[in-house]
Amino acid sequence: MSYPKIIKEAALEKMFHTDLSLRHISDELGIPRATLHGWKRQYQLINNDNETIHTPAESWTPEEKFAVVLESATLSEVELNAYCREKGLYPGQIKAWREASILRKYYLHQISDYLELFANNKSRAVSIIVATIGCETRRSTEMA
């Protein structure tokens, strides 16, 4: 059975922007759950990339994004959805920001370790850095 575009859009809106279960949406709109699952999967395939989501939050500073990550860290899924609606965000954005923060912290820690090692033992630090990036530029570094 084919449904009007407005019905499909209303169902997708309820799936992604409310706390209603798929069963409740199915009962409310009279659409089989299998159909709703198909629409949801199709929508997610098209809009899977977090970077395709454009909201005003994309122009936020890193400090503002990090504040959101901290504020939302202990929220349940229901609370997170309400928080996102209030802020005009998507949960996927917060997840991406959290992952970026974790990676940034990891790499800053690694760089800090290399700098400390470099201060203590230049030749050992150079050999580790060369091994890490997979190139043999040791001679040019030793000449400096």
C-alpha atoms as a PDB file:
ATOM      1  CA  MET A   1       0.000   0.000   0.000  1.00  0.00           C
ATOM      2  CA  SER A   2       1.252   3.472  -0.844  1.00  0.00           C
ATOM      3  CA  TYR A   3       0.902   6.290   1.689  1.00  0.00           C
ATOM      4  CA  PRO A   4       0.749  10.021   0.998  1.00  0.00           C
ATOM      5  CA  LYS A   5       4.021  11.868   1.459  1.00  0.00           C
ATOM      6  CA  ILE A   6       2.570  13.960   4.307  1.00  0.00           C
ATOM      7  CA  ILE A   7       1.715  10.800   6.282  1.00  0.00           C
ATOM      8  CA  LYS A   8       5.231   9.430   5.799  1.00  0.00           C
ATOM      9  CA  GLU A   9       6.759  12.748   6.900  1.00  0.00           C
ATOM     10  CA  ALA A  10       4.517  12.872   9.971  1.00  0.00           C
ATOM     11  CA  ALA A  11       5.522   9.325  10.909  1.00  0.00           C
ATOM     12  CA  LEU A  12       9.244  10.126  10.487  1.00  0.00           C
ATOM     13  CA  GLU A  13       8.824  13.280  12.563  1.00  0.00           C
ATOM     14  CA  LYS A  14       7.255  11.243  15.373  1.00  0.00           C
ATOM     15  CA  MET A  15       9.967   8.550  15.135  1.00  0.00           C
ATOM     16  CA  PHE A  16      12.909  10.929  15.330  1.00  0.00           C
ATOM     17  CA  HIS A  17      11.603  13.861  17.341  1.00  0.00           C
ATOM     18  CA  THR A  18       9.376  12.363  20.030  1.00  0.00           C
ATOM     19  CA  ASP A  19       9.737   9.735  22.710  1.00  0.00           C
ATOM     20  CA  LEU A  20       6.880   7.654  21.257  1.00  0.00           C
ATOM     21  CA  SER A  21       7.529   3.989  20.569  1.00  0.00           C
ATOM     22  CA  LEU A  22       7.212   2.562  17.084  1.00  0.00           C
ATOM     23  CA  ARG A  23       4.280   0.466  18.305  1.00  0.00           C
ATOM     24  CA  HIS A  24       2.475   3.589  19.553  1.00  0.00           C
ATOM     25  CA  ILE A  25       3.102   5.442  16.280  1.00  0.00           C
ATOM     26  CA  SER A  26       1.887   2.407  14.338  1.00  0.00           C
ATOM     27  CA  ASP A  27      -1.327   2.220  16.364  1.00  0.00           C
ATOM     28  CA  GLU A  28      -1.872   5.985  16.187  1.00  0.00           C
ATOM     29  CA  LEU A  29      -1.409   6.279  12.419  1.00  0.00           C
ATOM     30  CA  GLY A  30      -2.726   2.863  11.440  1.00  0.00           C
ATOM     31  CA  ILE A  31       0.480   1.956   9.606  1.00  0.00           C
ATOM     32  CA  PRO A  32       2.086  -1.486  10.029  1.00  0.00           C
ATOM     33  CA  ARG A  33       5.271  -1.495  12.123  1.00  0.00           C
ATOM     34  CA  ALA A  34       7.152  -3.225   9.297  1.00  0.00           C
ATOM     35  CA  THR A  35       6.351  -0.264   7.036  1.00  0.00           C
ATOM     36  CA  LEU A  36       7.524   2.185   9.701  1.00  0.00           C
ATOM     37  CA  HIS A  37      10.746   0.192  10.164  1.00  0.00           C
ATOM     38  CA  GLY A  38      11.329   0.364   6.402  1.00  0.00           C
ATOM     39  CA  TRP A  39      10.786   4.123   6.309  1.00  0.00           C
ATOM     40  CA  LYS A  40      13.062   4.577   9.307  1.00  0.00           C
ATOM     41  CA  ARG A  41      15.824   2.468   7.748  1.00  0.00           C
ATOM     42  CA  GLN A  42      15.497   4.300   4.427  1.00  0.00           C
ATOM     43  CA  TYR A  43      15.632   7.687   6.155  1.00  0.00           C
ATOM     44  CA  GLN A  44      18.703   6.676   8.182  1.00  0.00           C
ATOM     45  CA  LEU A  45      20.517   5.454   5.064  1.00  0.00           C
ATOM     46  CA  ILE A  46      19.903   8.774   3.345  1.00  0.00           C
ATOM     47  CA  ASN A  47      20.704  10.902   6.404  1.00  0.00           C
ATOM     48  CA  ASN A  48      23.234   8.648   8.145  1.00  0.00           C
ATOM     49  CA  ASP A  49      26.171  11.046   8.032  1.00  0.00           C
ATOM     50  CA  ASN A  50      26.097  13.350  11.078  1.00  0.00           C
ATOM     51  CA  GLU A  51      27.749  16.070   9.005  1.00  0.00           C
ATOM     52  CA  THR A  52      24.696  16.286   6.743  1.00  0.00           C
ATOM     53  CA  ILE A  53      22.680  17.562   9.704  1.00  0.00           C
ATOM     54  CA  HIS A  54      22.754  21.336   9.510  1.00  0.00           C
ATOM     55  CA  THR A  55      21.582  23.235  12.557  1.00  0.00           C
ATOM     56  CA  PRO A  56      22.634  26.535  14.063  1.00  0.00           C
ATOM     57  CA  ALA A  57      24.668  24.459  16.540  1.00  0.00           C
ATOM     58  CA  GLU A  58      27.179  23.674  13.788  1.00  0.00           C
ATOM     59  CA  SER A  59      28.438  27.237  14.125  1.00  0.00           C
ATOM     60  CA  TRP A  60      28.950  26.890  17.889  1.00  0.00           C
ATOM     61  CA  THR A  61      32.432  27.268  19.335  1.00  0.00           C
ATOM     62  CA  PRO A  62      34.311  24.180  20.538  1.00  0.00           C
ATOM     63  CA  GLU A  63      33.792  25.397  24.120  1.00  0.00           C
ATOM     64  CA  GLU A  64      30.006  25.542  23.645  1.00  0.00           C
ATOM     65  CA  LYS A  65      29.951  22.064  22.100  1.00  0.00           C
ATOM     66  CA  PHE A  66      32.067  20.695  24.949  1.00  0.00           C
ATOM     67  CA  ALA A  67      29.674  22.272  27.480  1.00  0.00           C
ATOM     68  CA  VAL A  68      26.788  20.428  25.803  1.00  0.00           C
ATOM     69  CA  VAL A  69      28.759  17.163  25.971  1.00  0.00           C
ATOM     70  CA  LEU A  70      29.303  17.687  29.700  1.00  0.00           C
ATOM     71  CA  GLU A  71      25.706  18.749  30.387  1.00  0.00           C
ATOM     72  CA  SER A  72      24.272  15.746  28.562  1.00  0.00           C
ATOM     73  CA  ALA A  73      26.725  13.099  29.810  1.00  0.00           C
ATOM     74  CA  THR A  74      24.484  11.703  32.557  1.00  0.00           C
ATOM     75  CA  LEU A  75      21.120  12.046  30.809  1.00  0.00           C
ATOM     76  CA  SER A  76      18.957   9.038  30.003  1.00  0.00           C
ATOM     77  CA  GLU A  77      17.839   8.557  26.405  1.00  0.00           C
ATOM     78  CA  VAL A  78      14.462  10.168  27.135  1.00  0.00           C
ATOM     79  CA  GLU A  79      16.103  13.104  28.930  1.00  0.00           C
ATOM     80  CA  LEU A  80      18.652  13.459  26.131  1.00  0.00           C
ATOM     81  CA  ASN A  81      15.902  13.647  23.498  1.00  0.00           C
ATOM     82  CA  ALA A  82      14.100  16.342  25.502  1.00  0.00           C
ATOM     83  CA  TYR A  83      17.391  18.226  25.972  1.00  0.00           C
ATOM     84  CA  CYS A  84      18.083  18.053  22.229  1.00  0.00           C
ATOM     85  CA  ARG A  85      14.630  19.372  21.358  1.00  0.00           C
ATOM     86  CA  GLU A  86      15.136  22.249  23.802  1.00  0.00           C
ATOM     87  CA  LYS A  87      18.549  23.137  22.329  1.00  0.00           C
ATOM     88  CA  GLY A  88      17.680  22.464  18.664  1.00  0.00           C
ATOM     89  CA  LEU A  89      20.140  19.569  18.438  1.00  0.00           C
ATOM     90  CA  TYR A  90      20.180  15.951  17.379  1.00  0.00           C
ATOM     91  CA  PRO A  91      21.511  13.188  19.650  1.00  0.00           C
ATOM     92  CA  GLY A  92      23.888  12.163  16.835  1.00  0.00           C
ATOM     93  CA  GLN A  93      25.532  15.579  16.968  1.00  0.00           C
ATOM     94  CA  ILE A  94      26.243  15.271  20.677  1.00  0.00           C
ATOM     95  CA  LYS A  95      27.597  11.758  20.154  1.00  0.00           C
ATOM     96  CA  ALA A  96      29.938  13.005  17.411  1.00  0.00           C
ATOM     97  CA  TRP A  97      31.111  15.899  19.606  1.00  0.00           C
ATOM     98  CA  ARG A  98      31.752  13.483  22.514  1.00  0.00           C
ATOM     99  CA  GLU A  99      33.794  11.168  20.290  1.00  0.00           C
ATOM    100  CA  ALA A 100      35.785  14.111  18.908  1.00  0.00           C
ATOM    101  CA  SER A 101      36.533  15.287  22.457  1.00  0.00           C
ATOM    102  CA  ILE A 102      37.766  11.841  23.459  1.00  0.00           C
ATOM    103  CA  LEU A 103      40.004  11.569  20.387  1.00  0.00           C
ATOM    104  CA  ARG A 104      41.355  15.083  20.885  1.00  0.00           C
ATOM    105  CA  LYS A 105      42.216  14.267  24.513  1.00  0.00           C
ATOM    106  CA  TYR A 106      43.932  11.030  23.442  1.00  0.00           C
ATOM    107  CA  TYR A 107      46.072  12.727  20.791  1.00  0.00           C
ATOM    108  CA  LEU A 108      46.978  15.644  23.071  1.00  0.00           C
ATOM    109  CA  HIS A 109      48.086  13.132  25.691  1.00  0.00           C
ATOM    110  CA  GLN A 110      50.226  11.318  23.094  1.00  0.00           C
ATOM    111  CA  ILE A 111      51.828  14.569  21.931  1.00  0.00           C
ATOM    112  CA  SER A 112      52.526  15.532  25.544  1.00  0.00           C
ATOM    113  CA  ASP A 113      54.250  12.179  26.100  1.00  0.00           C
ATOM    114  CA  TYR A 114      56.389  12.679  22.974  1.00  0.00           C
ATOM    115  CA  LEU A 115      57.380  16.187  24.046  1.00  0.00           C
ATOM    116  CA  GLU A 116      58.386  14.970  27.495  1.00  0.00           C
ATOM    117  CA  LEU A 117      60.375  12.126  25.970  1.00  0.00           C
ATOM    118  CA  PHE A 118      61.948  14.547  23.515  1.00  0.00           C
ATOM    119  CA  ALA A 119      63.054  16.821  26.349  1.00  0.00           C
ATOM    120  CA  ASN A 120      64.656  13.895  28.171  1.00  0.00           C
ATOM    121  CA  ASN A 121      66.136  11.914  25.284  1.00  0.00           C
ATOM    122  CA  LYS A 122      66.169  13.482  21.821  1.00  0.00           C
ATOM    123  CA  SER A 123      67.468  10.498  19.853  1.00  0.00           C
ATOM    124  CA  ARG A 124      64.974   8.066  21.461  1.00  0.00           C
ATOM    125  CA  ALA A 125      62.080  10.479  20.824  1.00  0.00           C
ATOM    126  CA  VAL A 126      63.089  10.908  17.175  1.00  0.00           C
ATOM    127  CA  SER A 127      63.239   7.139  16.638  1.00  0.00           C
ATOM    128  CA  ILE A 128      59.763   6.662  18.166  1.00  0.00           C
ATOM    129  CA  ILE A 129      58.279   9.483  16.100  1.00  0.00           C
ATOM    130  CA  VAL A 130      59.900   8.139  12.937  1.00  0.00           C
ATOM    131  CA  ALA A 131      58.589   4.641  13.670  1.00  0.00           C
ATOM    132  CA  THR A 132      55.117   6.065  14.385  1.00  0.00           C
ATOM    133  CA  ILE A 133      54.776   7.993  11.150  1.00  0.00           C
ATOM    134  CA  GLY A 134      56.536   5.320   9.134  1.00  0.00           C
ATOM    135  CA  CYS A 135      59.163   7.357   7.394  1.00  0.00           C
ATOM    136  CA  GLU A 136      62.916   7.488   7.604  1.00  0.00           C
ATOM    137  CA  THR A 137      63.763  11.128   8.004  1.00  0.00           C
ATOM    138  CA  ARG A 138      66.098  10.563  10.888  1.00  0.00           C
ATOM    139  CA  ARG A 139      69.155  11.977   9.169  1.00  0.00           C
ATOM    140  CA  SER A 140      67.532  15.308   8.410  1.00  0.00           C
ATOM    141  CA  THR A 141      66.281  15.563  12.004  1.00  0.00           C
ATOM    142  CA  GLU A 142      69.700  14.736  13.466  1.00  0.00           C
ATOM    143  CA  MET A 143      71.334  17.393  11.314  1.00  0.00           C
ATOM    144  CA  ALA A 144      69.161  20.143  12.795  1.00  0.00           C
END
